[in-house]
Protein backbone atom coordinates (compact mmCIF):
# COMPACT_ATOMS: atom_id res chain seq x y z
CA MET A 1 -7.77 -17.27 -12.93
CA ALA A 2 -7.47 -15.67 -9.43
CA LEU A 3 -4.23 -14.29 -8.14
CA PHE A 4 -2.39 -16.41 -5.60
CA GLU A 5 -4.79 -19.38 -6.42
CA GLY A 6 -3.63 -22.70 -5.02
CA LEU A 7 -0.44 -21.20 -3.61
CA PHE A 8 -1.19 -22.05 0.06
CA SER A 9 -1.71 -25.00 2.35
CA SER A 10 -4.08 -24.69 5.23
CA GLU A 11 -1.15 -24.33 7.67
CA LYS A 12 0.46 -21.61 5.46
CA LYS A 13 -2.83 -19.72 5.34
CA ARG A 14 -3.08 -19.84 9.19
CA GLU A 15 0.59 -18.73 9.56
CA ILE A 16 0.07 -15.75 7.17
CA ASN A 17 -3.06 -14.62 8.86
CA GLU A 18 -1.38 -14.63 12.25
CA GLU A 19 1.37 -12.43 10.90
CA ILE A 20 -0.81 -9.74 9.28
CA ASN A 21 -4.46 -8.57 8.98
CA LEU A 22 -4.65 -7.77 5.23
CA MET A 23 -8.02 -5.95 5.58
CA GLU A 24 -6.46 -3.70 7.97
CA ALA A 25 -3.64 -3.00 5.62
CA VAL A 26 -6.08 -2.30 2.82
CA GLN A 27 -8.03 0.12 5.12
CA ALA A 28 -4.76 1.94 6.14
CA HIS A 29 -3.86 2.43 2.57
CA ILE A 30 -7.37 3.54 1.53
CA SER A 31 -7.27 6.09 4.41
CA TRP A 32 -4.18 7.87 2.79
CA LYS A 33 -6.43 9.30 0.04
CA LEU A 34 -8.48 11.20 2.52
CA ARG A 35 -5.43 12.25 4.48
CA LEU A 36 -3.89 13.59 1.19
CA GLN A 37 -7.08 15.25 0.16
CA ASN A 38 -7.31 17.12 3.53
CA CYS A 39 -3.73 18.30 3.08
CA LEU A 40 -4.63 19.56 -0.31
CA ASP A 41 -7.80 21.25 0.95
CA GLY A 42 -5.86 22.89 3.82
CA THR A 43 -8.21 21.22 6.40
CA SER A 44 -5.60 18.91 7.86
CA ASP A 45 -3.88 19.52 11.19
CA GLU A 46 -1.56 16.66 10.58
CA VAL A 47 2.03 17.22 9.94
CA ILE A 48 3.23 14.63 7.40
CA ASP A 49 6.98 14.16 6.74
CA PRO A 50 7.53 13.02 3.18
CA ASN A 51 10.97 11.74 4.19
CA VAL A 52 9.14 9.27 6.42
CA VAL A 53 6.15 8.49 4.15
CA CYS A 54 8.41 7.59 1.20
CA ARG A 55 9.79 4.62 3.01
CA ASP A 56 7.65 1.56 2.14
CA ASP A 57 9.24 -0.49 4.88
CA GLN A 58 7.85 1.55 7.76
CA CYS A 59 4.06 0.90 7.62
CA LYS A 60 2.73 -2.38 8.93
CA LEU A 61 2.29 -3.81 5.53
CA GLY A 62 5.79 -2.70 4.53
CA LYS A 63 7.26 -4.26 7.54
CA TRP A 64 5.54 -7.57 6.72
CA ILE A 65 6.45 -7.43 3.02
CA HIS A 66 10.12 -6.84 3.78
CA GLY A 67 10.19 -9.37 6.65
CA PRO A 68 7.93 -12.53 7.25
CA ALA A 69 6.28 -12.52 3.84
CA GLN A 70 9.64 -13.13 2.08
CA LYS A 71 9.57 -16.76 3.26
CA HIS A 72 6.03 -17.29 2.09
CA PHE A 73 6.42 -15.69 -1.59
CA SER A 74 9.97 -16.18 -2.62
CA GLY A 75 9.91 -16.02 -6.48
CA ASP A 76 6.18 -15.30 -6.74
CA GLU A 77 5.63 -12.84 -9.59
CA THR A 78 2.24 -11.36 -8.16
CA PHE A 79 4.03 -10.77 -4.82
CA ARG A 80 6.94 -9.06 -6.68
CA SER A 81 4.40 -6.77 -8.35
CA LEU A 82 2.78 -6.04 -4.98
CA CYS A 83 6.19 -5.12 -3.58
CA GLU A 84 6.83 -2.85 -6.52
CA ASP A 85 3.39 -1.29 -6.41
CA HIS A 86 3.64 -0.73 -2.66
CA ALA A 87 6.99 1.03 -3.06
CA MET A 88 5.46 3.11 -5.79
CA PHE A 89 2.42 4.01 -3.51
CA HIS A 90 4.76 5.37 -0.83
CA TYR A 91 6.94 7.25 -3.30
CA VAL A 92 3.89 8.94 -4.90
CA THR A 93 2.29 9.68 -1.57
CA ALA A 94 5.46 11.46 -0.39
CA GLU A 95 5.60 13.39 -3.62
CA ILE A 96 2.09 14.67 -3.12
CA VAL A 97 2.98 15.73 0.33
CA ARG A 98 6.12 17.50 -1.00
CA ARG A 99 4.08 19.37 -3.67
CA VAL A 100 1.50 20.46 -1.16
CA ARG A 101 4.15 21.68 1.11
CA ASP A 102 5.82 23.59 -1.78
CA LYS A 103 2.32 25.21 -2.60
CA ASP A 104 2.21 23.29 -5.95
CA ASP A 105 -1.40 22.30 -5.37
CA ASP A 106 -2.40 21.77 -9.04
CA SER A 107 0.47 19.35 -9.64
CA ALA A 108 -0.23 17.55 -6.30
CA HIS A 109 -3.90 17.25 -7.28
CA ALA A 110 -3.03 16.02 -10.67
CA LEU A 111 -0.66 13.30 -9.08
CA LEU A 112 -3.47 12.38 -6.59
CA GLN A 113 -5.96 11.78 -9.42
CA GLY A 114 -3.39 10.17 -11.78
CA GLU A 115 -0.55 7.91 -10.57
CA TYR A 116 -1.63 7.85 -6.88
CA LYS A 117 -5.05 6.64 -7.80
CA LYS A 118 -3.73 3.98 -10.19
CA VAL A 119 -1.14 2.44 -7.83
CA SER A 120 -3.38 2.62 -4.85
CA ARG A 121 -5.94 0.68 -6.64
CA LYS A 122 -3.31 -1.99 -7.66
CA VAL A 123 -2.16 -2.37 -4.13
CA VAL A 124 -5.68 -2.61 -2.68
CA MET A 125 -6.80 -5.02 -5.43
CA THR A 126 -3.80 -7.40 -4.96
CA LEU A 127 -4.25 -7.19 -1.21
CA GLY A 128 -7.85 -8.18 -1.58
CA GLU A 129 -7.01 -11.14 -3.83
CA LEU A 130 -4.36 -12.39 -1.36
CA ASN A 131 -6.84 -12.00 1.45
CA LYS A 132 -9.42 -13.99 -0.57
CA ALA A 133 -6.89 -16.67 -1.32
CA LEU A 134 -5.99 -16.92 2.39
CA ALA A 135 -9.77 -17.22 3.49
CA SER A 136 -10.74 -19.93 1.04
């Protein structure tokens, strides 16, 4: 059984699609892996503040999750899991940045290949399922 199956009317699908482009959100989250890898490799000119990155309500997806999405998904278990996974994604991303800043590259790399990879995959998969449900 697909996640979010049968949850939306045509009108609700249209409303959500006007609020957020989920594929852009997926791409933004996927791009973090390259940004983090560049930090680890020392090839990034980007200054990433872990105190900003750790906030799951500052990116476009997070603003939607903490705002308009609440009225669409009240009580939905899959959405609750998405919220938790998205918050963990930001926490782990910030922790990798902190470890790189502290010159703890081995630990940062292990976190990138472990917990980050796991939680990132969960967020992207759930967003993909939600996007599929909104397109059908």
